Amino acid sequence: MAALTGALCLCAQPRTEPDIHYAPGPAQTLDLYIPAKSEFTTIVYTYGGGWHSGNGKSSAPIAVELSRLGYGCVLVSHRLFPPDTFPAPAEDLAAAFAWVKSNIGSRGGDPNKIILAGHSSGAQLSLLIATDPSYLRAWRLNQSDIQAVIGLSSPVDLTRHPDGHGYGDVPLSGHGADPFRRDEALLEDVSLRQPLGMASTMPLVSASMKGERIREFFG
């Protein structure tokens, strides 16, 4: 029985392709998790590290569970501060998405079913490239190539508020805004208070850590 249980657990493990370079830099890699089915939907997931720390491998348990449920999963790592500042991480996520769009079909996935998802700073990046067409345009793609976007604990407004209680007030009071060069105009530009330019058929959901849906956009 123990041998049978072990065999079943082994079979349940997804096929993985780690450390694929979607661009030449040392941090520009992704880990691909492939489920045991064909024509699967792929979730491109970006971890939360405050734009300055970590890598995609920290989200491996999420990828394993999504693969068990029949989804492909791509864990994205990106350039970090220091030394790289914005828009480097957003450009990296767009490049990773373009790699998936071009290559997931050869792994059995459906290139027309790609979802962006992320947590915290990774959610901000996912929502940004879904609402600002310039990032995907660099790869001759557009927002209609994204099937949906999911943001968990998404910092959607990075600006200061007059009452001092805006999300942007926190990083600007310390070093958290350093990845944005402490440029308040840039923080305004990458905030997501208006989903301008979003493809009309793409659902975009942002939820808090408590599971509350705090914002849902439909074009």
Protein backbone atom coordinates (compact mmCIF):
# COMPACT_ATOMS: atom_id res chain seq x y z
CA MET A 1 0.00 0.00 0.00
CA ALA A 2 2.81 2.41 0.84
CA ALA A 3 4.43 1.73 -2.52
CA LEU A 4 1.11 2.36 -4.30
CA THR A 5 0.57 5.61 -2.39
CA GLY A 6 4.08 6.74 -3.30
CA ALA A 7 3.48 5.92 -6.94
CA LEU A 8 0.24 7.89 -6.96
CA CYS A 9 1.95 10.90 -5.37
CA LEU A 10 4.71 10.69 -7.96
CA CYS A 11 2.19 10.62 -10.78
CA ALA A 12 0.44 13.68 -9.36
CA GLN A 13 3.57 15.82 -9.68
CA PRO A 14 3.57 18.21 -12.63
CA ARG A 15 6.27 18.22 -15.24
CA THR A 16 8.55 21.18 -14.65
CA GLU A 17 10.97 23.20 -16.74
CA PRO A 18 12.89 25.46 -14.36
CA ASP A 19 15.07 28.48 -15.04
CA ILE A 20 13.98 29.23 -18.58
CA HIS A 21 15.38 32.57 -19.76
CA TYR A 22 12.72 34.74 -21.35
CA ALA A 23 15.41 37.45 -21.67
CA PRO A 24 19.21 37.31 -21.31
CA GLY A 25 19.66 38.85 -17.85
CA PRO A 26 20.43 36.59 -14.85
CA ALA A 27 17.18 37.51 -13.09
CA GLN A 28 14.99 37.22 -16.18
CA THR A 29 13.86 33.63 -15.77
CA LEU A 30 10.68 31.66 -15.36
CA ASP A 31 9.75 28.24 -14.03
CA LEU A 32 7.16 26.35 -16.05
CA TYR A 33 4.79 23.78 -14.51
CA ILE A 34 2.90 21.60 -16.99
CA PRO A 35 -0.18 19.58 -16.00
CA ALA A 36 -1.02 16.10 -17.20
CA LYS A 37 -3.52 17.27 -19.84
CA SER A 38 -3.54 19.10 -23.14
CA GLU A 39 -5.04 22.40 -24.29
CA PHE A 40 -4.69 23.70 -20.74
CA THR A 41 -5.10 27.27 -19.55
CA THR A 42 -1.87 28.83 -18.27
CA ILE A 43 -1.58 31.16 -15.30
CA VAL A 44 1.42 33.50 -15.39
CA TYR A 45 2.04 34.22 -11.71
CA THR A 46 4.27 36.95 -10.28
CA TYR A 47 5.26 36.82 -6.62
CA GLY A 48 5.22 39.76 -4.22
CA GLY A 49 8.62 41.07 -3.15
CA GLY A 50 8.15 44.82 -3.01
CA TRP A 51 9.92 45.21 -6.38
CA HIS A 52 13.23 44.74 -4.52
CA SER A 53 13.56 41.17 -3.24
CA GLY A 54 12.80 37.49 -3.83
CA ASN A 55 12.12 35.43 -6.94
CA GLY A 56 9.40 33.36 -8.49
CA LYS A 57 10.50 30.11 -6.85
CA SER A 58 8.92 31.26 -3.59
CA SER A 59 5.52 30.53 -5.16
CA ALA A 60 6.28 26.90 -6.07
CA PRO A 61 3.49 25.48 -3.82
CA ILE A 62 0.97 27.61 -5.73
CA ALA A 63 2.25 26.29 -9.06
CA VAL A 64 2.10 22.68 -7.88
CA GLU A 65 -1.50 23.05 -6.72
CA LEU A 66 -2.60 24.82 -9.90
CA SER A 67 -0.98 22.08 -11.98
CA ARG A 68 -2.80 19.46 -9.93
CA LEU A 69 -6.03 21.24 -10.83
CA GLY A 70 -5.16 21.08 -14.53
CA TYR A 71 -3.66 24.52 -15.11
CA GLY A 72 -0.27 25.31 -16.50
CA CYS A 73 1.61 27.72 -14.28
CA VAL A 74 4.52 30.03 -14.99
CA LEU A 75 6.42 31.52 -12.04
CA VAL A 76 8.08 34.75 -13.14
CA SER A 77 11.26 36.24 -11.70
CA HIS A 78 12.22 39.76 -12.72
CA ARG A 79 14.86 42.42 -12.29
CA LEU A 80 14.97 44.05 -8.85
CA PHE A 81 16.09 47.20 -7.13
CA PRO A 82 18.95 47.66 -6.66
CA PRO A 83 20.17 48.23 -9.28
CA ASP A 84 17.16 48.17 -11.56
CA THR A 85 14.34 50.67 -11.20
CA PHE A 86 10.88 50.95 -12.73
CA PRO A 87 9.78 50.19 -15.42
CA ALA A 88 12.25 47.25 -15.54
CA PRO A 89 10.04 44.74 -13.64
CA ALA A 90 6.97 45.59 -15.71
CA GLU A 91 8.95 45.26 -18.92
CA ASP A 92 10.17 41.88 -17.70
CA LEU A 93 6.68 40.60 -17.00
CA ALA A 94 5.60 41.67 -20.49
CA ALA A 95 8.59 39.80 -21.94
CA ALA A 96 7.74 36.71 -19.89
CA PHE A 97 4.14 36.87 -21.08
CA ALA A 98 5.34 37.12 -24.68
CA TRP A 99 7.55 34.05 -24.16
CA VAL A 100 4.58 32.09 -22.83
CA LYS A 101 2.37 33.22 -25.70
CA SER A 102 4.96 32.00 -28.21
CA ASN A 103 5.98 28.76 -26.50
CA ILE A 104 3.16 27.31 -24.44
CA GLY A 105 1.55 25.66 -27.47
CA SER A 106 4.57 23.40 -27.95
CA ARG A 107 4.10 22.23 -24.34
CA GLY A 108 0.45 21.32 -24.88
CA GLY A 109 -1.15 24.53 -23.65
CA ASP A 110 -3.62 26.80 -25.38
CA PRO A 111 -1.88 30.09 -26.29
CA ASN A 112 -5.26 31.81 -26.37
CA LYS A 113 -5.92 30.98 -22.72
CA ILE A 114 -3.31 32.82 -20.67
CA ILE A 115 -4.21 34.47 -17.36
CA LEU A 116 -2.08 36.97 -15.48
CA ALA A 117 -2.04 36.70 -11.69
CA GLY A 118 0.09 37.95 -8.86
CA HIS A 119 0.37 38.89 -5.21
CA SER A 120 1.19 42.34 -3.80
CA SER A 121 3.89 43.93 -6.02
CA GLY A 122 3.38 41.04 -8.44
CA ALA A 123 -0.30 41.91 -8.61
CA GLN A 124 0.57 45.54 -9.33
CA LEU A 125 2.78 44.45 -12.22
CA SER A 126 0.11 42.11 -13.59
CA LEU A 127 -2.61 44.75 -13.41
CA LEU A 128 -0.31 47.36 -14.92
CA ILE A 129 0.57 45.48 -18.09
CA ALA A 130 -3.10 44.54 -18.46
CA THR A 131 -4.22 48.17 -18.33
CA ASP A 132 -1.31 49.97 -19.99
CA PRO A 133 -1.02 48.74 -23.60
CA SER A 134 2.53 50.05 -24.09
CA TYR A 135 4.19 47.09 -22.34
CA LEU A 136 2.70 44.38 -24.54
CA ARG A 137 2.87 46.57 -27.63
CA ALA A 138 6.66 46.23 -27.48
CA TRP A 139 6.13 42.52 -28.26
CA ARG A 140 3.45 43.10 -30.92
CA LEU A 141 0.82 41.87 -28.50
CA ASN A 142 -2.16 43.63 -26.98
CA GLN A 143 -4.51 43.28 -24.05
CA SER A 144 -6.84 40.96 -25.96
CA ASP A 145 -4.07 38.35 -25.66
CA ILE A 146 -4.74 38.24 -21.90
CA GLN A 147 -7.74 36.12 -20.98
CA ALA A 148 -8.10 37.53 -17.46
CA VAL A 149 -6.15 39.16 -14.64
CA ILE A 150 -6.22 38.35 -10.92
CA GLY A 151 -4.55 40.60 -8.34
CA LEU A 152 -4.20 39.52 -4.71
CA SER A 153 -3.52 42.25 -2.14
CA SER A 154 -2.93 44.63 -5.02
CA PRO A 155 -1.43 48.07 -4.38
CA VAL A 156 -3.46 49.84 -7.05
CA ASP A 157 -2.83 53.43 -5.93
CA LEU A 158 0.81 54.27 -5.19
CA THR A 159 0.32 57.99 -4.64
CA ARG A 160 0.34 60.18 -1.55
CA HIS A 161 -3.03 61.25 -0.15
CA PRO A 162 -3.79 64.65 1.38
CA ASP A 163 -4.66 63.01 4.71
CA GLY A 164 -1.33 61.17 4.81
CA HIS A 165 -3.01 57.76 4.72
CA GLY A 166 -2.51 56.79 1.08
CA TYR A 167 -0.60 53.65 0.14
CA GLY A 168 2.08 55.84 -1.40
CA ASP A 169 2.65 57.66 1.87
CA VAL A 170 4.10 54.48 3.38
CA PRO A 171 6.90 53.70 0.88
CA LEU A 172 7.71 57.38 0.45
CA SER A 173 8.28 57.67 4.20
CA GLY A 174 11.07 55.09 3.97
CA HIS A 175 12.94 53.20 1.27
CA GLY A 176 9.92 51.45 -0.25
CA ALA A 177 9.69 53.98 -3.07
CA ASP A 178 13.34 53.57 -4.09
CA PRO A 179 12.44 51.09 -6.91
CA PHE A 180 10.47 54.01 -8.42
CA ARG A 181 13.39 56.46 -7.95
CA ARG A 182 11.20 58.24 -5.38
CA ASP A 183 9.59 59.91 -8.37
CA GLU A 184 6.05 60.88 -7.40
CA ALA A 185 5.08 61.53 -11.02
CA LEU A 186 6.12 57.98 -11.86
CA LEU A 187 4.15 56.62 -8.89
CA GLU A 188 1.14 58.51 -10.19
CA ASP A 189 1.67 57.15 -13.69
CA VAL A 190 1.80 53.49 -12.62
CA SER A 191 -1.17 53.71 -10.27
CA LEU A 192 -4.25 51.85 -11.39
CA ARG A 193 -7.16 53.98 -10.32
CA GLN A 194 -8.53 54.08 -13.88
CA PRO A 195 -8.30 50.95 -16.10
CA LEU A 196 -7.74 52.95 -19.26
CA GLY A 197 -7.23 51.03 -22.46
CA MET A 198 -8.25 47.64 -21.08
CA ALA A 199 -9.57 45.15 -23.59
CA SER A 200 -13.36 45.16 -23.38
CA THR A 201 -13.75 41.40 -22.95
CA MET A 202 -11.14 40.90 -20.23
CA PRO A 203 -12.22 40.48 -16.59
CA LEU A 204 -9.87 42.09 -14.10
CA VAL A 205 -10.27 41.39 -10.39
CA SER A 206 -8.35 42.77 -7.43
CA ALA A 207 -8.92 41.27 -3.97
CA SER A 208 -7.67 41.96 -0.47
CA MET A 209 -5.89 39.46 1.78
CA LYS A 210 -9.17 38.86 3.63
CA GLY A 211 -10.72 37.63 0.41
CA GLU A 212 -12.80 40.74 -0.11
CA ARG A 213 -13.17 41.83 -3.70
CA ILE A 214 -12.07 45.44 -3.51
CA ARG A 215 -12.17 46.27 -7.18
CA GLU A 216 -13.50 44.60 -10.29
CA PHE A 217 -13.11 46.18 -13.69
CA PHE A 218 -14.83 45.24 -16.89
CA GLY A 219 -14.11 47.29 -19.96
